[in-house]
Amino acid sequence: MKSWVSKLLASLRPAVMPASVSGDASEPAPALQSLPGERVGISGTVIAKVELPGGFGASRELLLRMREVTIEPGGFLPMHSHADRPAVAYVLQGRMTEYLEGQDEPVVVEAGQAYSTHRRPHALLNRGSVPVVFLEVDLF
């Protein structure tokens, strides 16, 4: 991967903070194991997409797509992987707790912050009172 791309992707995650110091709620974030095993309160709309030509080292044709995703208050997106479809996202509204596989403490991502996900499964929870809305661009 080109060095400027690596630097850009690495710069996306530092804005997030551990849920325990974020002021996200008066109670600690719930343990991942206590959360539902299915999607709750999640909706998404594809805003734009483009078919990528063969190549890019993929064994299949890919789409580059942009989606607007909403997580309603109390909504949860269970642990899932972007191993074969890296994604970057920008939070437009709200604050969500992100659980990362292999990391003991979840982190909080809020409006005005971006994050990336690839190779490391994650789950998302809206503990707030307003919907979380983010734009996600991924390969699909």
Foldseek 3Di string as FASTA:
>chain_A
DDPVVVVVQVVQPPVKFFQVPPPLDPDADDDLVVDDPAWDQKDKDWPDKDWDDPDPPDPDTKIWTKMKMKHAAFTKFHWDACAVKKKKKAKQAAKKWKAWPPDDTTIIDGHPGMHIGYPIIMMIGHNDHGMIIMMMIMMD
